Amino acid sequence: MNDGAHKAESATEIQERAANWIFDRHDCENWTAESQIELDAWLNASIAHRVAYVRLETALARSNRLAALRNGSPVSARRAERPLRRRPYLIAASAILTVAALAGSSAVVLLRGPQTQTYATALGAHKAIMLADGTRIELNTNTVLRARIGTHQRLVWLDKGEAFFQVKHESARPFLVTAGNYRVRDLGTKFSVRSDANNLEVALVEGRARIEAANDTVRMRQADLTPGDVVVATAEKVTVTKRPERKIANELAWRQGLLIFNYTTLADAAAEFNRYNAKKIVISDQAAARMTVMGKFPTTNVDLFGQVAKAVLGVHVRDSGDEIVISKRPSGE
């Protein structure tokens, strides 16, 4: 322990770091053994670190107990003694007077903490966002993503949909993307993540990444990925395969507003179009579903796809206004 090494830190800077540690520590879903090791190292580095951390932690816990007691409910009081989980910002807000008394006027800065931002796209929409750390994320159709950029880690949750990440790598501040029961850890990376009700797909374009379990629901060994690796995770298993660079590029053509098909079945092509459009494509029989198509199509132009399928494959196409029904043309018609 060497306090002299930390003389350059101001009291406000130490208090800010202590507050961010507390906010991160109470986010139980994303607190890991590695996070605990980093916190212990920071606490052991200086007495000033430990004092600031204990003061703020005590103030927040005391505020939570007082709030419960004001309700006059013994049950509420007992709940206040439980470990704090998903309410660090509410607790921090209620503790403002207590923390101000302990830490001085700089407490106003401390109570802000890292904020969670939510980003979303509508059906057929595409959006690019830039996070505070310089990371660029592109959101595909019908996607919901949340991000919190903290002092010690950067957390993203892909609640649904698909996103492409160009992460600004910082070894001291991990970048973690959680989707369902899995988590992707950036190691200097460009990668895509697609999440739906049935599976998760991660494709690594550049750099390195690691996929691991995000909770105890699934049991898997972490897997380190190299460019071209594609992970498909379902409720039953996780598989890692290698795909050609061109195939991955085609699958990411949505970034240019395109869908690229290369001997893709009509059933699969229709499913892709239906991700982007309220007007759905329906393949009405198995004979048509097994037929294959090639070409580039705008993601939101289902009418063009129907016209091309009719002209090239000779299928029957019926436009009912709300949907396009494609079937194998009856013999002799």
C-alpha atoms as a PDB file:
ATOM      1  CA  MET A   1       0.000   0.000   0.000  1.00  0.00           C
ATOM      2  CA  ASN A   2       1.467   3.348  -1.046  1.00  0.00           C
ATOM      3  CA  ASP A   3      -0.594   6.434  -0.336  1.00  0.00           C
ATOM      4  CA  GLY A   4       2.059   8.681  -1.859  1.00  0.00           C
ATOM      5  CA  ALA A   5       1.267   7.277  -5.288  1.00  0.00           C
ATOM      6  CA  HIS A   6      -2.253   8.707  -4.990  1.00  0.00           C
ATOM      7  CA  LYS A   7      -1.441  12.249  -3.865  1.00  0.00           C
ATOM      8  CA  ALA A   8      -2.329  13.519  -7.354  1.00  0.00           C
ATOM      9  CA  GLU A   9      -5.924  12.384  -6.854  1.00  0.00           C
ATOM     10  CA  SER A  10      -8.251  15.051  -5.504  1.00  0.00           C
ATOM     11  CA  ALA A  11     -10.835  14.257  -2.860  1.00  0.00           C
ATOM     12  CA  THR A  12     -13.579  14.775  -5.440  1.00  0.00           C
ATOM     13  CA  GLU A  13     -11.963  12.329  -7.869  1.00  0.00           C
ATOM     14  CA  ILE A  14     -11.664   9.689  -5.152  1.00  0.00           C
ATOM     15  CA  GLN A  15     -15.291  10.213  -4.125  1.00  0.00           C
ATOM     16  CA  GLU A  16     -16.450   9.945  -7.738  1.00  0.00           C
ATOM     17  CA  ARG A  17     -14.593   6.671  -8.212  1.00  0.00           C
ATOM     18  CA  ALA A  18     -15.962   5.328  -4.933  1.00  0.00           C
ATOM     19  CA  ALA A  19     -19.516   6.207  -6.012  1.00  0.00           C
ATOM     20  CA  ASN A  20     -19.078   4.464  -9.368  1.00  0.00           C
ATOM     21  CA  TRP A  21     -17.710   1.366  -7.640  1.00  0.00           C
ATOM     22  CA  ILE A  22     -20.772   1.297  -5.382  1.00  0.00           C
ATOM     23  CA  PHE A  23     -23.177   1.668  -8.305  1.00  0.00           C
ATOM     24  CA  ASP A  24     -21.406  -1.135 -10.188  1.00  0.00           C
ATOM     25  CA  ARG A  25     -21.226  -3.343  -7.083  1.00  0.00           C
ATOM     26  CA  HIS A  26     -24.980  -3.155  -6.524  1.00  0.00           C
ATOM     27  CA  ASP A  27     -25.672  -4.214 -10.100  1.00  0.00           C
ATOM     28  CA  CYS A  28     -25.587  -7.902  -9.127  1.00  0.00           C
ATOM     29  CA  GLU A  29     -26.383  -9.152 -12.631  1.00  0.00           C
ATOM     30  CA  ASN A  30     -23.095  -7.858 -14.041  1.00  0.00           C
ATOM     31  CA  TRP A  31     -20.805  -8.012 -11.008  1.00  0.00           C
ATOM     32  CA  THR A  32     -18.176 -10.690 -11.586  1.00  0.00           C
ATOM     33  CA  ALA A  33     -15.252 -12.193  -9.689  1.00  0.00           C
ATOM     34  CA  GLU A  34     -12.976 -10.043 -11.853  1.00  0.00           C
ATOM     35  CA  SER A  35     -14.905  -6.955 -10.819  1.00  0.00           C
ATOM     36  CA  GLN A  36     -14.417  -7.857  -7.157  1.00  0.00           C
ATOM     37  CA  ILE A  37     -10.668  -8.323  -7.662  1.00  0.00           C
ATOM     38  CA  GLU A  38     -10.446  -4.868  -9.287  1.00  0.00           C
ATOM     39  CA  LEU A  39     -12.428  -3.282  -6.443  1.00  0.00           C
ATOM     40  CA  ASP A  40     -10.245  -4.955  -3.808  1.00  0.00           C
ATOM     41  CA  ALA A  41      -7.113  -3.681  -5.560  1.00  0.00           C
ATOM     42  CA  TRP A  42      -8.487  -0.131  -5.635  1.00  0.00           C
ATOM     43  CA  LEU A  43      -9.474  -0.257  -1.952  1.00  0.00           C
ATOM     44  CA  ASN A  44      -6.081  -1.640  -0.929  1.00  0.00           C
ATOM     45  CA  ALA A  45      -4.213   1.002  -2.895  1.00  0.00           C
ATOM     46  CA  SER A  46      -5.021   3.825  -0.479  1.00  0.00           C
ATOM     47  CA  ILE A  47      -6.601   4.544   2.883  1.00  0.00           C
ATOM     48  CA  ALA A  48      -8.370   7.484   1.241  1.00  0.00           C
ATOM     49  CA  HIS A  49     -10.023   5.058  -1.178  1.00  0.00           C
ATOM     50  CA  ARG A  50     -11.308   2.869   1.641  1.00  0.00           C
ATOM     51  CA  VAL A  51     -12.574   5.810   3.687  1.00  0.00           C
ATOM     52  CA  ALA A  52     -14.488   7.308   0.749  1.00  0.00           C
ATOM     53  CA  TYR A  53     -16.016   3.957  -0.174  1.00  0.00           C
ATOM     54  CA  VAL A  54     -17.107   3.090   3.377  1.00  0.00           C
ATOM     55  CA  ARG A  55     -18.581   6.556   3.964  1.00  0.00           C
ATOM     56  CA  LEU A  56     -20.714   6.473   0.838  1.00  0.00           C
ATOM     57  CA  GLU A  57     -21.749   2.848   1.286  1.00  0.00           C
ATOM     58  CA  THR A  58     -22.807   3.557   4.874  1.00  0.00           C
ATOM     59  CA  ALA A  59     -24.721   6.669   3.849  1.00  0.00           C
ATOM     60  CA  LEU A  60     -26.652   4.888   1.125  1.00  0.00           C
ATOM     61  CA  ALA A  61     -27.515   1.928   3.354  1.00  0.00           C
ATOM     62  CA  ARG A  62     -28.624   4.251   6.167  1.00  0.00           C
ATOM     63  CA  SER A  63     -30.838   6.213   3.772  1.00  0.00           C
ATOM     64  CA  ASN A  64     -32.501   3.016   2.572  1.00  0.00           C
ATOM     65  CA  ARG A  65     -33.259   1.922   6.144  1.00  0.00           C
ATOM     66  CA  LEU A  66     -34.683   5.322   7.040  1.00  0.00           C
ATOM     67  CA  ALA A  67     -36.942   5.285   3.989  1.00  0.00           C
ATOM     68  CA  ALA A  68     -38.310   1.887   5.020  1.00  0.00           C
ATOM     69  CA  LEU A  69     -38.885   2.953   8.622  1.00  0.00           C
ATOM     70  CA  ARG A  70     -40.820   6.032   7.491  1.00  0.00           C
ATOM     71  CA  ASN A  71     -43.307   3.691   5.863  1.00  0.00           C
ATOM     72  CA  GLY A  72     -44.068   2.277   9.323  1.00  0.00           C
ATOM     73  CA  SER A  73     -43.880  -1.287   8.045  1.00  0.00           C
ATOM     74  CA  PRO A  74     -41.774  -3.928   9.813  1.00  0.00           C
ATOM     75  CA  VAL A  75     -41.697  -5.850   6.541  1.00  0.00           C
ATOM     76  CA  SER A  76     -40.316  -2.831   4.737  1.00  0.00           C
ATOM     77  CA  ALA A  77     -37.718  -2.378   7.446  1.00  0.00           C
ATOM     78  CA  ARG A  78     -36.601  -5.991   7.110  1.00  0.00           C
ATOM     79  CA  ARG A  79     -36.388  -5.641   3.339  1.00  0.00           C
ATOM     80  CA  ALA A  80     -34.133  -2.658   3.788  1.00  0.00           C
ATOM     81  CA  GLU A  81     -31.569  -4.897   5.469  1.00  0.00           C
ATOM     82  CA  ARG A  82     -31.335  -7.130   2.396  1.00  0.00           C
ATOM     83  CA  PRO A  83     -28.508  -6.622  -0.110  1.00  0.00           C
ATOM     84  CA  LEU A  84     -29.217  -3.742  -2.481  1.00  0.00           C
ATOM     85  CA  ARG A  85     -29.905  -4.921  -6.007  1.00  0.00           C
ATOM     86  CA  ARG A  86     -31.462  -2.999  -8.847  1.00  0.00           C
ATOM     87  CA  ARG A  87     -32.222   0.327  -7.151  1.00  0.00           C
ATOM     88  CA  PRO A  88     -28.857   2.112  -6.760  1.00  0.00           C
ATOM     89  CA  TYR A  89     -30.037   5.334  -8.413  1.00  0.00           C
ATOM     90  CA  LEU A  90     -33.268   5.532  -6.408  1.00  0.00           C
ATOM     91  CA  ILE A  91     -31.321   4.873  -3.240  1.00  0.00           C
ATOM     92  CA  ALA A  92     -28.718   7.474  -4.194  1.00  0.00           C
ATOM     93  CA  ALA A  93     -31.429  10.070  -4.763  1.00  0.00           C
ATOM     94  CA  SER A  94     -32.981   9.453  -1.347  1.00  0.00           C
ATOM     95  CA  ALA A  95     -29.555   9.649   0.289  1.00  0.00           C
ATOM     96  CA  ILE A  96     -28.580  13.069  -1.031  1.00  0.00           C
ATOM     97  CA  LEU A  97     -28.732  14.896   2.324  1.00  0.00           C
ATOM     98  CA  THR A  98     -26.838  12.176   4.178  1.00  0.00           C
ATOM     99  CA  VAL A  99     -24.104  11.947   1.570  1.00  0.00           C
ATOM    100  CA  ALA A 100     -23.834  15.717   1.369  1.00  0.00           C
ATOM    101  CA  ALA A 101     -23.236  15.848   5.108  1.00  0.00           C
ATOM    102  CA  LEU A 102     -20.456  13.263   4.822  1.00  0.00           C
ATOM    103  CA  ALA A 103     -18.773  14.212   1.565  1.00  0.00           C
ATOM    104  CA  GLY A 104     -19.484  17.918   1.183  1.00  0.00           C
ATOM    105  CA  SER A 105     -20.765  19.849  -1.811  1.00  0.00           C
ATOM    106  CA  SER A 106     -19.105  17.503  -4.304  1.00  0.00           C
ATOM    107  CA  ALA A 107     -21.779  14.916  -3.475  1.00  0.00           C
ATOM    108  CA  VAL A 108     -23.998  16.387  -6.190  1.00  0.00           C
ATOM    109  CA  VAL A 109     -21.525  15.036  -8.749  1.00  0.00           C
ATOM    110  CA  LEU A 110     -21.317  11.677  -7.021  1.00  0.00           C
ATOM    111  CA  LEU A 111     -25.030  11.025  -7.114  1.00  0.00           C
ATOM    112  CA  ARG A 112     -25.237  11.180 -10.864  1.00  0.00           C
ATOM    113  CA  GLY A 113     -23.421   7.919 -11.485  1.00  0.00           C
ATOM    114  CA  PRO A 114     -23.399   6.178 -14.853  1.00  0.00           C
ATOM    115  CA  GLN A 115     -26.782   6.472 -16.523  1.00  0.00           C
ATOM    116  CA  THR A 116     -28.494   3.779 -18.585  1.00  0.00           C
ATOM    117  CA  GLN A 117     -29.573   4.961 -22.034  1.00  0.00           C
ATOM    118  CA  THR A 118     -32.129   3.106 -24.158  1.00  0.00           C
ATOM    119  CA  TYR A 119     -32.009   3.055 -27.953  1.00  0.00           C
ATOM    120  CA  ALA A 120     -34.629   1.525 -30.248  1.00  0.00           C
ATOM    121  CA  THR A 121     -35.576   1.198 -33.903  1.00  0.00           C
ATOM    122  CA  ALA A 122     -38.963   0.655 -35.487  1.00  0.00           C
ATOM    123  CA  LEU A 123     -39.848  -2.084 -37.959  1.00  0.00           C
ATOM    124  CA  GLY A 124     -37.690  -1.625 -41.063  1.00  0.00           C
ATOM    125  CA  ALA A 125     -35.591   1.161 -39.524  1.00  0.00           C
ATOM    126  CA  HIS A 126     -31.821   1.432 -39.126  1.00  0.00           C
ATOM    127  CA  LYS A 127     -29.949   3.678 -36.701  1.00  0.00           C
ATOM    128  CA  ALA A 128     -26.294   4.351 -35.890  1.00  0.00           C
ATOM    129  CA  ILE A 129     -25.341   5.630 -32.425  1.00  0.00           C
ATOM    130  CA  MET A 130     -22.057   6.706 -30.867  1.00  0.00           C
ATOM    131  CA  LEU A 131     -21.512   5.975 -27.185  1.00  0.00           C
ATOM    132  CA  ALA A 132     -19.606   8.287 -24.873  1.00  0.00           C
ATOM    133  CA  ASP A 133     -16.510   6.051 -25.033  1.00  0.00           C
ATOM    134  CA  GLY A 134     -16.282   6.296 -28.844  1.00  0.00           C
ATOM    135  CA  THR A 135     -17.896   2.924 -29.564  1.00  0.00           C
ATOM    136  CA  ARG A 136     -20.157   2.936 -32.644  1.00  0.00           C
ATOM    137  CA  ILE A 137     -23.259   0.711 -32.721  1.00  0.00           C
ATOM    138  CA  GLU A 138     -25.628   0.165 -35.641  1.00  0.00           C
ATOM    139  CA  LEU A 139     -29.136  -1.030 -34.772  1.00  0.00           C
ATOM    140  CA  ASN A 140     -31.077  -3.122 -37.257  1.00  0.00           C
ATOM    141  CA  THR A 141     -34.852  -3.388 -37.622  1.00  0.00           C
ATOM    142  CA  ASN A 142     -37.104  -3.671 -34.542  1.00  0.00           C
ATOM    143  CA  THR A 143     -34.229  -3.564 -32.063  1.00  0.00           C
ATOM    144  CA  VAL A 144     -34.044  -2.444 -28.428  1.00  0.00           C
ATOM    145  CA  LEU A 145     -30.654  -1.871 -26.805  1.00  0.00           C
ATOM    146  CA  ARG A 146     -29.595  -0.373 -23.482  1.00  0.00           C
ATOM    147  CA  ALA A 147     -26.129   0.964 -22.634  1.00  0.00           C
ATOM    148  CA  ARG A 148     -24.418   2.165 -19.480  1.00  0.00           C
ATOM    149  CA  ILE A 149     -20.895   3.542 -19.699  1.00  0.00           C
ATOM    150  CA  GLY A 150     -19.305   3.442 -16.259  1.00  0.00           C
ATOM    151  CA  THR A 151     -15.886   4.266 -14.902  1.00  0.00           C
ATOM    152  CA  HIS A 152     -14.842   0.630 -14.556  1.00  0.00           C
ATOM    153  CA  GLN A 153     -16.926  -1.232 -17.118  1.00  0.00           C
ATOM    154  CA  ARG A 154     -19.145  -0.575 -20.117  1.00  0.00           C
ATOM    155  CA  LEU A 155     -22.380  -2.554 -20.178  1.00  0.00           C
ATOM    156  CA  VAL A 156     -24.798  -3.123 -23.054  1.00  0.00           C
ATOM    157  CA  TRP A 157     -27.983  -5.194 -23.073  1.00  0.00           C
ATOM    158  CA  LEU A 158     -29.476  -6.288 -26.402  1.00  0.00           C
ATOM    159  CA  ASP A 159     -33.088  -6.843 -25.349  1.00  0.00           C
ATOM    160  CA  LYS A 160     -34.171  -7.843 -28.851  1.00  0.00           C
ATOM    161  CA  GLY A 161     -33.159  -7.478 -32.477  1.00  0.00           C
ATOM    162  CA  GLU A 162     -29.736  -7.136 -34.048  1.00  0.00           C
ATOM    163  CA  ALA A 163     -26.806  -4.762 -33.717  1.00  0.00           C
ATOM    164  CA  PHE A 164     -23.323  -4.334 -35.159  1.00  0.00           C
ATOM    165  CA  PHE A 165     -20.593  -3.157 -32.781  1.00  0.00           C
ATOM    166  CA  GLN A 166     -17.347  -1.330 -33.506  1.00  0.00           C
ATOM    167  CA  VAL A 167     -15.908  -1.197 -30.021  1.00  0.00           C
ATOM    168  CA  LYS A 168     -13.237   1.211 -28.880  1.00  0.00           C
ATOM    169  CA  HIS A 169     -11.154  -1.243 -26.893  1.00  0.00           C
ATOM    170  CA  GLU A 170      -9.979  -0.331 -23.396  1.00  0.00           C
ATOM    171  CA  SER A 171      -8.306  -3.141 -21.474  1.00  0.00           C
ATOM    172  CA  ALA A 172      -8.951  -1.414 -18.128  1.00  0.00           C
ATOM    173  CA  ARG A 173     -12.660  -0.925 -18.837  1.00  0.00           C
ATOM    174  CA  PRO A 174     -14.304  -4.075 -20.240  1.00  0.00           C
ATOM    175  CA  PHE A 175     -17.080  -3.794 -22.822  1.00  0.00           C
ATOM    176  CA  LEU A 176     -19.785  -6.420 -22.213  1.00  0.00           C
ATOM    177  CA  VAL A 177     -22.858  -7.157 -24.338  1.00  0.00           C
ATOM    178  CA  THR A 178     -25.544  -9.273 -22.670  1.00  0.00           C
ATOM    179  CA  ALA A 179     -28.250 -10.952 -24.754  1.00  0.00           C
ATOM    180  CA  GLY A 180     -30.500 -13.459 -23.047  1.00  0.00           C
ATOM    181  CA  ASN A 181     -28.416 -15.920 -21.050  1.00  0.00           C
ATOM    182  CA  TYR A 182     -25.156 -15.110 -22.807  1.00  0.00           C
ATOM    183  CA  ARG A 183     -22.582 -12.355 -22.719  1.00  0.00           C
ATOM    184  CA  VAL A 184     -20.017 -11.206 -25.285  1.00  0.00           C
ATOM    185  CA  ARG A 185     -16.808  -9.706 -23.930  1.00  0.00           C
ATOM    186  CA  ASP A 186     -14.941  -7.387 -26.280  1.00  0.00           C
ATOM    187  CA  LEU A 187     -11.211  -7.969 -26.728  1.00  0.00           C
ATOM    188  CA  GLY A 188     -10.749  -5.358 -29.485  1.00  0.00           C
ATOM    189  CA  THR A 189     -13.524  -6.129 -31.875  1.00  0.00           C
ATOM    190  CA  LYS A 190     -16.043  -5.617 -34.660  1.00  0.00           C
ATOM    191  CA  PHE A 191     -18.910  -8.051 -34.258  1.00  0.00           C
ATOM    192  CA  SER A 192     -22.645  -8.487 -34.710  1.00  0.00           C
ATOM    193  CA  VAL A 193     -25.191  -9.869 -32.259  1.00  0.00           C
ATOM    194  CA  ARG A 194     -28.667 -11.046 -33.237  1.00  0.00           C
ATOM    195  CA  SER A 195     -31.156 -12.115 -30.589  1.00  0.00           C
ATOM    196  CA  ASP A 196     -34.652 -13.484 -30.983  1.00  0.00           C
ATOM    197  CA  ALA A 197     -37.017 -15.737 -29.080  1.00  0.00           C
ATOM    198  CA  ASN A 198     -35.316 -18.939 -30.208  1.00  0.00           C
ATOM    199  CA  ASN A 199     -31.593 -18.308 -30.424  1.00  0.00           C
ATOM    200  CA  LEU A 200     -28.657 -15.965 -30.248  1.00  0.00           C
ATOM    201  CA  GLU A 201     -26.140 -15.496 -33.052  1.00  0.00           C
ATOM    202  CA  VAL A 202     -22.785 -13.743 -32.721  1.00  0.00           C
ATOM    203  CA  ALA A 203     -20.520 -13.202 -35.739  1.00  0.00           C
ATOM    204  CA  LEU A 204     -16.982 -11.892 -35.298  1.00  0.00           C
ATOM    205  CA  VAL A 205     -15.784  -9.700 -38.170  1.00  0.00           C
ATOM    206  CA  GLU A 206     -12.521  -8.328 -36.821  1.00  0.00           C
ATOM    207  CA  GLY A 207     -10.329  -8.586 -33.721  1.00  0.00           C
ATOM    208  CA  ARG A 208     -11.134 -10.892 -30.823  1.00  0.00           C
ATOM    209  CA  ALA A 209     -14.113 -11.545 -28.591  1.00  0.00           C
ATOM    210  CA  ARG A 210     -15.205 -13.994 -25.940  1.00  0.00           C
ATOM    211  CA  ILE A 211     -18.651 -15.483 -25.356  1.00  0.00           C
ATOM    212  CA  GLU A 212     -19.585 -16.687 -21.892  1.00  0.00           C
ATOM    213  CA  ALA A 213     -22.590 -17.463 -19.744  1.00  0.00           C
ATOM    214  CA  ALA A 214     -24.254 -14.350 -18.320  1.00  0.00           C
ATOM    215  CA  ASN A 215     -25.942 -16.217 -15.462  1.00  0.00           C
ATOM    216  CA  ASP A 216     -26.429 -19.665 -13.949  1.00  0.00           C
ATOM    217  CA  THR A 217     -29.291 -20.580 -16.285  1.00  0.00           C
ATOM    218  CA  VAL A 218     -26.902 -22.067 -18.850  1.00  0.00           C
ATOM    219  CA  ARG A 219     -23.650 -23.910 -18.323  1.00  0.00           C
ATOM    220  CA  MET A 220     -20.956 -23.493 -20.909  1.00  0.00           C
ATOM    221  CA  ARG A 221     -17.245 -23.036 -21.189  1.00  0.00           C
ATOM    222  CA  GLN A 222     -16.266 -19.613 -22.392  1.00  0.00           C
ATOM    223  CA  ALA A 223     -15.166 -19.563 -26.020  1.00  0.00           C
ATOM    224  CA  ASP A 224     -12.599 -17.181 -27.493  1.00  0.00           C
ATOM    225  CA  LEU A 225     -13.518 -16.166 -31.036  1.00  0.00           C
ATOM    226  CA  THR A 226     -11.378 -15.237 -34.028  1.00  0.00           C
ATOM    227  CA  PRO A 227     -12.525 -13.491 -37.248  1.00  0.00           C
ATOM    228  CA  GLY A 228     -14.998 -15.596 -39.180  1.00  0.00           C
ATOM    229  CA  ASP A 229     -16.273 -17.433 -36.114  1.00  0.00           C
ATOM    230  CA  VAL A 230     -20.034 -17.554 -35.719  1.00  0.00           C
ATOM    231  CA  VAL A 231     -21.688 -18.636 -32.478  1.00  0.00           C
ATOM    232  CA  VAL A 232     -25.236 -19.954 -32.483  1.00  0.00           C
ATOM    233  CA  ALA A 233     -26.662 -20.437 -28.988  1.00  0.00           C
ATOM    234  CA  THR A 234     -30.016 -22.062 -28.273  1.00  0.00           C
ATOM    235  CA  ALA A 235     -31.603 -23.290 -25.060  1.00  0.00           C
ATOM    236  CA  GLU A 236     -30.018 -26.704 -25.652  1.00  0.00           C
ATOM    237  CA  LYS A 237     -26.497 -26.022 -26.950  1.00  0.00           C
ATOM    238  CA  VAL A 238     -23.860 -23.593 -28.157  1.00  0.00           C
ATOM    239  CA  THR A 239     -22.009 -24.190 -31.421  1.00  0.00           C
ATOM    240  CA  VAL A 240     -19.093 -22.305 -32.962  1.00  0.00           C
ATOM    241  CA  THR A 241     -18.486 -22.594 -36.714  1.00  0.00           C
ATOM    242  CA  LYS A 242     -16.342 -20.787 -39.276  1.00  0.00           C
ATOM    243  CA  ARG A 243     -18.045 -18.865 -42.103  1.00  0.00           C
ATOM    244  CA  PRO A 244     -16.412 -17.312 -45.186  1.00  0.00           C
ATOM    245  CA  GLU A 245     -15.807 -13.569 -44.977  1.00  0.00           C
ATOM    246  CA  ARG A 246     -18.084 -12.977 -47.980  1.00  0.00           C
ATOM    247  CA  LYS A 247     -20.993 -14.822 -46.382  1.00  0.00           C
ATOM    248  CA  ILE A 248     -20.732 -12.786 -43.183  1.00  0.00           C
ATOM    249  CA  ALA A 249     -20.511  -9.578 -45.243  1.00  0.00           C
ATOM    250  CA  ASN A 250     -23.696 -10.572 -47.090  1.00  0.00           C
ATOM    251  CA  GLU A 251     -25.478 -11.215 -43.792  1.00  0.00           C
ATOM    252  CA  LEU A 252     -24.483  -7.710 -42.655  1.00  0.00           C
ATOM    253  CA  ALA A 253     -25.734  -6.020 -45.836  1.00  0.00           C
ATOM    254  CA  TRP A 254     -28.639  -4.648 -43.776  1.00  0.00           C
ATOM    255  CA  ARG A 255     -26.184  -1.940 -42.774  1.00  0.00           C
ATOM    256  CA  GLN A 256     -26.551  -0.659 -46.357  1.00  0.00           C
ATOM    257  CA  GLY A 257     -30.299  -1.300 -46.412  1.00  0.00           C
ATOM    258  CA  LEU A 258     -29.972  -4.506 -48.434  1.00  0.00           C
ATOM    259  CA  LEU A 259     -30.773  -8.190 -48.213  1.00  0.00           C
ATOM    260  CA  ILE A 260     -28.419 -10.407 -50.237  1.00  0.00           C
ATOM    261  CA  PHE A 261     -29.538 -13.915 -51.150  1.00  0.00           C
ATOM    262  CA  ASN A 262     -27.283 -16.585 -52.627  1.00  0.00           C
ATOM    263  CA  TYR A 263     -29.208 -19.767 -53.395  1.00  0.00           C
ATOM    264  CA  THR A 264     -31.436 -18.948 -50.451  1.00  0.00           C
ATOM    265  CA  THR A 265     -34.733 -20.807 -50.176  1.00  0.00           C
ATOM    266  CA  LEU A 266     -37.883 -18.775 -50.640  1.00  0.00           C
ATOM    267  CA  ALA A 267     -38.903 -19.750 -47.114  1.00  0.00           C
ATOM    268  CA  ASP A 268     -35.720 -18.262 -45.621  1.00  0.00           C
ATOM    269  CA  ALA A 269     -35.853 -15.196 -47.874  1.00  0.00           C
ATOM    270  CA  ALA A 270     -39.446 -14.540 -46.837  1.00  0.00           C
ATOM    271  CA  ALA A 271     -38.520 -14.853 -43.162  1.00  0.00           C
ATOM    272  CA  GLU A 272     -35.785 -12.232 -43.626  1.00  0.00           C
ATOM    273  CA  PHE A 273     -38.092  -9.806 -45.440  1.00  0.00           C
ATOM    274  CA  ASN A 274     -40.716 -10.243 -42.731  1.00  0.00           C
ATOM    275  CA  ARG A 275     -38.260  -8.919 -40.135  1.00  0.00           C
ATOM    276  CA  TYR A 276     -38.350  -5.532 -41.849  1.00  0.00           C
ATOM    277  CA  ASN A 277     -41.898  -5.111 -43.104  1.00  0.00           C
ATOM    278  CA  ALA A 278     -45.471  -4.939 -41.836  1.00  0.00           C
ATOM    279  CA  LYS A 279     -46.574  -6.331 -45.205  1.00  0.00           C
ATOM    280  CA  LYS A 280     -45.619  -9.996 -44.922  1.00  0.00           C
ATOM    281  CA  ILE A 281     -44.554 -12.563 -47.489  1.00  0.00           C
ATOM    282  CA  VAL A 282     -46.346 -15.890 -47.106  1.00  0.00           C
ATOM    283  CA  ILE A 283     -45.051 -19.032 -48.830  1.00  0.00           C
ATOM    284  CA  SER A 284     -48.147 -21.178 -49.113  1.00  0.00           C
ATOM    285  CA  ASP A 285     -46.731 -24.587 -50.072  1.00  0.00           C
ATOM    286  CA  GLN A 286     -43.598 -26.648 -49.561  1.00  0.00           C
ATOM    287  CA  ALA A 287     -42.805 -26.857 -53.255  1.00  0.00           C
ATOM    288  CA  ALA A 288     -42.425 -23.085 -53.433  1.00  0.00           C
ATOM    289  CA  ALA A 289     -40.678 -22.917 -50.039  1.00  0.00           C
ATOM    290  CA  ARG A 290     -37.851 -25.157 -51.302  1.00  0.00           C
ATOM    291  CA  MET A 291     -37.139 -23.070 -54.408  1.00  0.00           C
ATOM    292  CA  THR A 292     -34.016 -20.895 -54.241  1.00  0.00           C
ATOM    293  CA  VAL A 293     -33.355 -17.294 -55.181  1.00  0.00           C
ATOM    294  CA  MET A 294     -30.300 -15.098 -55.768  1.00  0.00           C
ATOM    295  CA  GLY A 295     -29.942 -11.326 -55.821  1.00  0.00           C
ATOM    296  CA  LYS A 296     -29.827  -8.072 -53.869  1.00  0.00           C
ATOM    297  CA  PHE A 297     -33.030  -6.478 -52.635  1.00  0.00           C
ATOM    298  CA  PRO A 298     -33.875  -3.365 -50.586  1.00  0.00           C
ATOM    299  CA  THR A 299     -34.966  -4.516 -47.135  1.00  0.00           C
ATOM    300  CA  THR A 300     -38.335  -2.739 -47.343  1.00  0.00           C
ATOM    301  CA  ASN A 301     -39.363  -3.514 -50.941  1.00  0.00           C
ATOM    302  CA  VAL A 302     -41.429  -6.698 -50.695  1.00  0.00           C
ATOM    303  CA  ASP A 303     -43.277  -5.871 -53.925  1.00  0.00           C
ATOM    304  CA  LEU A 304     -40.019  -5.984 -55.905  1.00  0.00           C
ATOM    305  CA  PHE A 305     -39.180  -9.357 -54.399  1.00  0.00           C
ATOM    306  CA  GLY A 306     -42.586 -10.719 -55.412  1.00  0.00           C
ATOM    307  CA  GLN A 307     -42.149  -9.433 -58.966  1.00  0.00           C
ATOM    308  CA  VAL A 308     -38.675 -10.979 -59.279  1.00  0.00           C
ATOM    309  CA  ALA A 309     -39.857 -14.325 -57.856  1.00  0.00           C
ATOM    310  CA  LYS A 310     -42.690 -14.405 -60.382  1.00  0.00           C
ATOM    311  CA  ALA A 311     -40.510 -13.461 -63.365  1.00  0.00           C
ATOM    312  CA  VAL A 312     -37.497 -15.641 -62.564  1.00  0.00           C
ATOM    313  CA  LEU A 313     -38.986 -18.658 -60.784  1.00  0.00           C
ATOM    314  CA  GLY A 314     -42.370 -18.758 -62.470  1.00  0.00           C
ATOM    315  CA  VAL A 315     -44.268 -18.906 -59.189  1.00  0.00           C
ATOM    316  CA  HIS A 316     -47.763 -17.606 -58.636  1.00  0.00           C
ATOM    317  CA  VAL A 317     -47.833 -14.312 -56.687  1.00  0.00           C
ATOM    318  CA  ARG A 318     -51.001 -12.865 -55.152  1.00  0.00           C
ATOM    319  CA  ASP A 319     -50.947  -9.424 -53.531  1.00  0.00           C
ATOM    320  CA  SER A 320     -53.794  -9.038 -51.023  1.00  0.00           C
ATOM    321  CA  GLY A 321     -52.663  -5.641 -49.753  1.00  0.00           C
ATOM    322  CA  ASP A 322     -51.556  -6.823 -46.301  1.00  0.00           C
ATOM    323  CA  GLU A 323     -49.461  -9.721 -47.574  1.00  0.00           C
ATOM    324  CA  ILE A 324     -47.922 -11.269 -50.651  1.00  0.00           C
ATOM    325  CA  VAL A 325     -48.745 -14.951 -51.056  1.00  0.00           C
ATOM    326  CA  ILE A 326     -46.305 -16.989 -53.154  1.00  0.00           C
ATOM    327  CA  SER A 327     -47.141 -20.505 -54.341  1.00  0.00           C
ATOM    328  CA  LYS A 328     -45.918 -22.981 -56.930  1.00  0.00           C
ATOM    329  CA  ARG A 329     -47.798 -22.386 -60.120  1.00  0.00           C
ATOM    330  CA  PRO A 330     -50.207 -25.287 -60.745  1.00  0.00           C
ATOM    331  CA  SER A 331     -49.113 -27.532 -63.608  1.00  0.00           C
ATOM    332  CA  GLY A 332     -50.800 -26.731 -66.914  1.00  0.00           C
ATOM    333  CA  GLU A 333     -51.740 -23.150 -65.866  1.00  0.00           C
END
